[in-house]
């Protein structure tokens, strides 16, 4: 190497945003926005690899996500008390 610094390539300016596209991106999926508002606490649980596999297969065969399946299971076991 001759000790010269590599030539810097300028990055062009950001193209103007399409307001409709920006609004669509910020809107997101309405169901995800609702979930984000409902589920704000994370729970971490260590399970065996075999149990993890059984959970994932069960969720897949029911056509739901593992998170949704476990939320339903926990809701059945620990229902919100209503007066």
N, C-alpha and C. Protein backbone atom coordinates (compact mmCIF):
# COMPACT_ATOMS: atom_id res chain seq x y z
N UNK A 1 0.85 -1.17 0.00
CA UNK A 1 0.00 0.00 0.00
C UNK A 1 0.89 1.23 0.00
N UNK A 2 0.47 2.24 -0.66
CA UNK A 2 1.27 3.45 -0.77
C UNK A 2 0.96 4.44 0.35
N UNK A 3 0.06 4.11 1.26
CA UNK A 3 -0.27 5.01 2.35
C UNK A 3 -1.37 5.99 2.00
N UNK A 4 -1.89 5.92 0.79
CA UNK A 4 -2.97 6.82 0.40
C UNK A 4 -4.27 6.35 1.02
N UNK A 5 -5.10 7.32 1.37
CA UNK A 5 -6.40 6.99 1.92
C UNK A 5 -7.33 6.58 0.78
N UNK A 6 -8.22 5.62 1.03
CA UNK A 6 -9.16 5.24 -0.02
C UNK A 6 -10.09 6.40 -0.36
N UNK A 7 -10.43 6.48 -1.62
CA UNK A 7 -11.30 7.55 -2.09
C UNK A 7 -12.70 7.35 -1.51
N UNK A 8 -13.27 8.41 -0.96
CA UNK A 8 -14.62 8.35 -0.41
C UNK A 8 -15.61 8.62 -1.52
N UNK A 9 -16.66 7.84 -1.52
CA UNK A 9 -17.72 8.01 -2.50
C UNK A 9 -18.89 8.67 -1.78
N UNK A 10 -19.35 9.78 -2.31
CA UNK A 10 -20.46 10.49 -1.69
C UNK A 10 -21.77 9.74 -1.95
N UNK A 11 -22.58 9.70 -0.92
CA UNK A 11 -23.90 9.09 -1.05
C UNK A 11 -24.88 10.21 -1.38
N UNK A 12 -25.69 9.97 -2.36
CA UNK A 12 -26.65 10.99 -2.80
C UNK A 12 -27.68 11.31 -1.73
N UNK A 13 -28.43 12.33 -1.97
CA UNK A 13 -29.47 12.72 -1.03
C UNK A 13 -30.61 11.72 -1.09
N UNK A 14 -31.33 11.64 0.00
CA UNK A 14 -32.46 10.73 0.09
C UNK A 14 -33.57 11.22 -0.84
N UNK A 15 -34.15 10.30 -1.61
CA UNK A 15 -35.22 10.73 -2.51
C UNK A 15 -36.43 11.19 -1.69
N UNK A 16 -37.22 12.09 -2.26
CA UNK A 16 -38.39 12.57 -1.53
C UNK A 16 -39.35 11.41 -1.24
N UNK A 17 -39.91 11.43 -0.04
CA UNK A 17 -40.80 10.35 0.37
C UNK A 17 -42.19 10.54 -0.21
N UNK A 18 -42.82 9.43 -0.51
CA UNK A 18 -44.20 9.43 -0.96
C UNK A 18 -45.07 9.44 0.29
N UNK A 19 -45.84 10.50 0.54
CA UNK A 19 -46.63 10.59 1.77
C UNK A 19 -47.57 9.41 1.97
N UNK A 20 -48.14 8.89 0.89
CA UNK A 20 -49.04 7.75 1.02
C UNK A 20 -48.27 6.50 1.45
N UNK A 21 -47.09 6.31 0.89
CA UNK A 21 -46.28 5.15 1.26
C UNK A 21 -45.83 5.27 2.71
N UNK A 22 -45.41 6.46 3.11
CA UNK A 22 -44.99 6.67 4.50
C UNK A 22 -46.13 6.37 5.47
N UNK A 23 -47.33 6.83 5.15
CA UNK A 23 -48.49 6.59 6.01
C UNK A 23 -48.79 5.10 6.09
N UNK A 24 -48.68 4.42 4.97
CA UNK A 24 -48.95 2.98 4.94
C UNK A 24 -47.95 2.22 5.82
N UNK A 25 -46.67 2.59 5.74
CA UNK A 25 -45.65 1.92 6.54
C UNK A 25 -45.88 2.18 8.02
N UNK A 26 -46.18 3.43 8.37
CA UNK A 26 -46.39 3.77 9.78
C UNK A 26 -47.67 3.15 10.34
N UNK A 27 -48.65 2.91 9.46
CA UNK A 27 -49.92 2.31 9.90
C UNK A 27 -49.68 0.91 10.43
N UNK A 28 -48.88 0.13 9.73
CA UNK A 28 -48.60 -1.23 10.15
C UNK A 28 -49.85 -2.09 10.08
N UNK A 29 -49.71 -3.29 10.58
CA UNK A 29 -50.84 -4.21 10.63
C UNK A 29 -51.63 -3.90 11.89
N UNK A 30 -52.90 -3.60 11.76
CA UNK A 30 -53.73 -3.19 12.90
C UNK A 30 -53.71 -4.24 14.00
N UNK A 31 -53.68 -5.52 13.64
CA UNK A 31 -53.68 -6.55 14.68
C UNK A 31 -52.39 -6.53 15.48
N UNK A 32 -51.27 -6.23 14.84
CA UNK A 32 -50.01 -6.15 15.57
C UNK A 32 -49.98 -4.94 16.50
N UNK A 33 -50.59 -3.84 16.06
CA UNK A 33 -50.63 -2.67 16.92
C UNK A 33 -51.43 -2.98 18.17
N UNK A 34 -52.53 -3.69 18.02
CA UNK A 34 -53.34 -4.04 19.18
C UNK A 34 -52.59 -4.99 20.09
N UNK A 35 -51.89 -5.96 19.53
CA UNK A 35 -51.12 -6.89 20.36
C UNK A 35 -50.05 -6.14 21.14
N UNK A 36 -49.39 -5.19 20.49
CA UNK A 36 -48.36 -4.42 21.17
C UNK A 36 -48.91 -3.65 22.35
N UNK A 37 -50.15 -3.21 22.22
CA UNK A 37 -50.77 -2.49 23.33
C UNK A 37 -51.21 -3.46 24.42
N UNK A 38 -51.64 -4.68 24.04
CA UNK A 38 -52.12 -5.65 25.02
C UNK A 38 -50.99 -6.38 25.73
N UNK A 39 -50.00 -6.82 25.00
CA UNK A 39 -48.94 -7.65 25.55
C UNK A 39 -47.67 -6.83 25.70
N UNK A 40 -47.44 -6.31 26.89
CA UNK A 40 -46.28 -5.45 27.09
C UNK A 40 -45.24 -6.04 28.03
N UNK A 41 -45.47 -7.25 28.54
CA UNK A 41 -44.50 -7.88 29.43
C UNK A 41 -44.00 -9.16 28.77
N UNK A 42 -42.71 -9.42 28.91
CA UNK A 42 -42.11 -10.61 28.32
C UNK A 42 -41.85 -11.62 29.43
N UNK A 43 -42.11 -12.88 29.15
CA UNK A 43 -41.90 -13.97 30.08
C UNK A 43 -40.94 -14.95 29.44
N UNK A 44 -39.86 -15.27 30.12
CA UNK A 44 -38.89 -16.22 29.61
C UNK A 44 -38.97 -17.49 30.43
N UNK A 45 -39.03 -18.63 29.75
CA UNK A 45 -39.19 -19.90 30.42
C UNK A 45 -38.23 -20.90 29.78
N UNK A 46 -37.45 -21.59 30.59
CA UNK A 46 -36.55 -22.62 30.07
C UNK A 46 -37.29 -23.94 30.02
N UNK A 47 -37.27 -24.59 28.86
CA UNK A 47 -37.88 -25.90 28.68
C UNK A 47 -36.86 -26.80 27.99
N UNK A 48 -37.12 -28.09 28.06
CA UNK A 48 -36.22 -29.03 27.39
C UNK A 48 -36.40 -28.91 25.87
N UNK A 49 -35.40 -29.30 25.12
CA UNK A 49 -35.55 -29.27 23.67
C UNK A 49 -36.73 -30.11 23.19
N UNK A 50 -36.97 -31.25 23.86
CA UNK A 50 -38.10 -32.10 23.48
C UNK A 50 -39.43 -31.41 23.71
N UNK A 51 -39.57 -30.74 24.85
CA UNK A 51 -40.82 -30.03 25.12
C UNK A 51 -41.01 -28.89 24.14
N UNK A 52 -39.94 -28.18 23.83
CA UNK A 52 -40.03 -27.09 22.86
C UNK A 52 -40.53 -27.62 21.52
N UNK A 53 -40.00 -28.75 21.11
CA UNK A 53 -40.42 -29.36 19.85
C UNK A 53 -41.90 -29.73 19.89
N UNK A 54 -42.36 -30.33 20.99
CA UNK A 54 -43.76 -30.71 21.11
C UNK A 54 -44.68 -29.48 21.07
N UNK A 55 -44.25 -28.41 21.73
CA UNK A 55 -45.04 -27.17 21.74
C UNK A 55 -45.14 -26.62 20.33
N UNK A 56 -44.02 -26.58 19.62
CA UNK A 56 -44.02 -26.02 18.27
C UNK A 56 -44.86 -26.86 17.31
N UNK A 57 -44.78 -28.18 17.42
CA UNK A 57 -45.57 -29.05 16.56
C UNK A 57 -47.05 -28.87 16.86
N UNK A 58 -47.40 -28.78 18.13
CA UNK A 58 -48.81 -28.59 18.51
C UNK A 58 -49.35 -27.28 17.95
N UNK A 59 -48.60 -26.22 18.09
CA UNK A 59 -49.04 -24.92 17.57
C UNK A 59 -49.18 -24.99 16.05
N UNK A 60 -48.22 -25.60 15.39
CA UNK A 60 -48.26 -25.70 13.93
C UNK A 60 -49.48 -26.48 13.47
N UNK A 61 -49.76 -27.61 14.12
CA UNK A 61 -50.90 -28.42 13.69
C UNK A 61 -52.23 -27.71 13.96
N UNK A 62 -52.26 -26.79 14.92
CA UNK A 62 -53.46 -26.01 15.19
C UNK A 62 -53.55 -24.77 14.30
N UNK A 63 -52.47 -24.49 13.57
CA UNK A 63 -52.46 -23.33 12.68
C UNK A 63 -52.34 -22.01 13.41
N UNK A 64 -51.69 -22.01 14.57
CA UNK A 64 -51.51 -20.79 15.35
C UNK A 64 -50.05 -20.65 15.73
N UNK A 65 -49.69 -19.48 16.22
CA UNK A 65 -48.32 -19.28 16.66
C UNK A 65 -48.15 -19.87 18.06
N UNK A 66 -46.91 -20.17 18.40
CA UNK A 66 -46.60 -20.67 19.74
C UNK A 66 -47.03 -19.64 20.78
N UNK A 67 -46.75 -18.38 20.51
CA UNK A 67 -47.11 -17.32 21.47
C UNK A 67 -48.61 -17.28 21.71
N UNK A 68 -49.41 -17.34 20.63
CA UNK A 68 -50.86 -17.31 20.79
C UNK A 68 -51.37 -18.54 21.54
N UNK A 69 -50.78 -19.70 21.24
CA UNK A 69 -51.20 -20.92 21.91
C UNK A 69 -50.89 -20.86 23.40
N UNK A 70 -49.70 -20.39 23.74
CA UNK A 70 -49.31 -20.32 25.15
C UNK A 70 -50.09 -19.24 25.89
N UNK A 71 -50.40 -18.13 25.21
CA UNK A 71 -51.24 -17.11 25.85
C UNK A 71 -52.60 -17.68 26.21
N UNK A 72 -53.20 -18.45 25.28
CA UNK A 72 -54.51 -19.05 25.53
C UNK A 72 -54.44 -20.05 26.68
N UNK A 73 -53.38 -20.85 26.69
CA UNK A 73 -53.20 -21.83 27.77
C UNK A 73 -53.06 -21.12 29.12
N UNK A 74 -52.26 -20.07 29.18
CA UNK A 74 -52.08 -19.33 30.42
C UNK A 74 -53.36 -18.61 30.83
N UNK A 75 -54.11 -18.12 29.86
CA UNK A 75 -55.37 -17.45 30.17
C UNK A 75 -56.38 -18.42 30.77
N UNK A 76 -56.40 -19.66 30.24
CA UNK A 76 -57.30 -20.68 30.81
C UNK A 76 -56.89 -21.03 32.23
N UNK A 77 -55.60 -21.15 32.46
CA UNK A 77 -55.10 -21.55 33.78
C UNK A 77 -55.17 -20.41 34.79
N UNK A 78 -54.96 -19.19 34.33
CA UNK A 78 -54.93 -18.01 35.21
C UNK A 78 -55.87 -16.94 34.67
N UNK A 79 -57.18 -17.20 34.71
CA UNK A 79 -58.13 -16.20 34.17
C UNK A 79 -58.11 -14.93 34.98
N UNK A 80 -58.40 -13.84 34.29
CA UNK A 80 -58.50 -12.55 34.97
C UNK A 80 -59.75 -12.59 35.84
N UNK A 81 -59.59 -12.26 37.10
CA UNK A 81 -60.74 -12.29 38.00
C UNK A 81 -61.64 -11.11 37.69
N UNK A 82 -62.92 -11.40 37.55
CA UNK A 82 -63.89 -10.36 37.25
C UNK A 82 -64.88 -10.28 38.39
N UNK A 83 -65.19 -9.04 38.79
CA UNK A 83 -66.14 -8.89 39.90
C UNK A 83 -67.54 -8.67 39.44
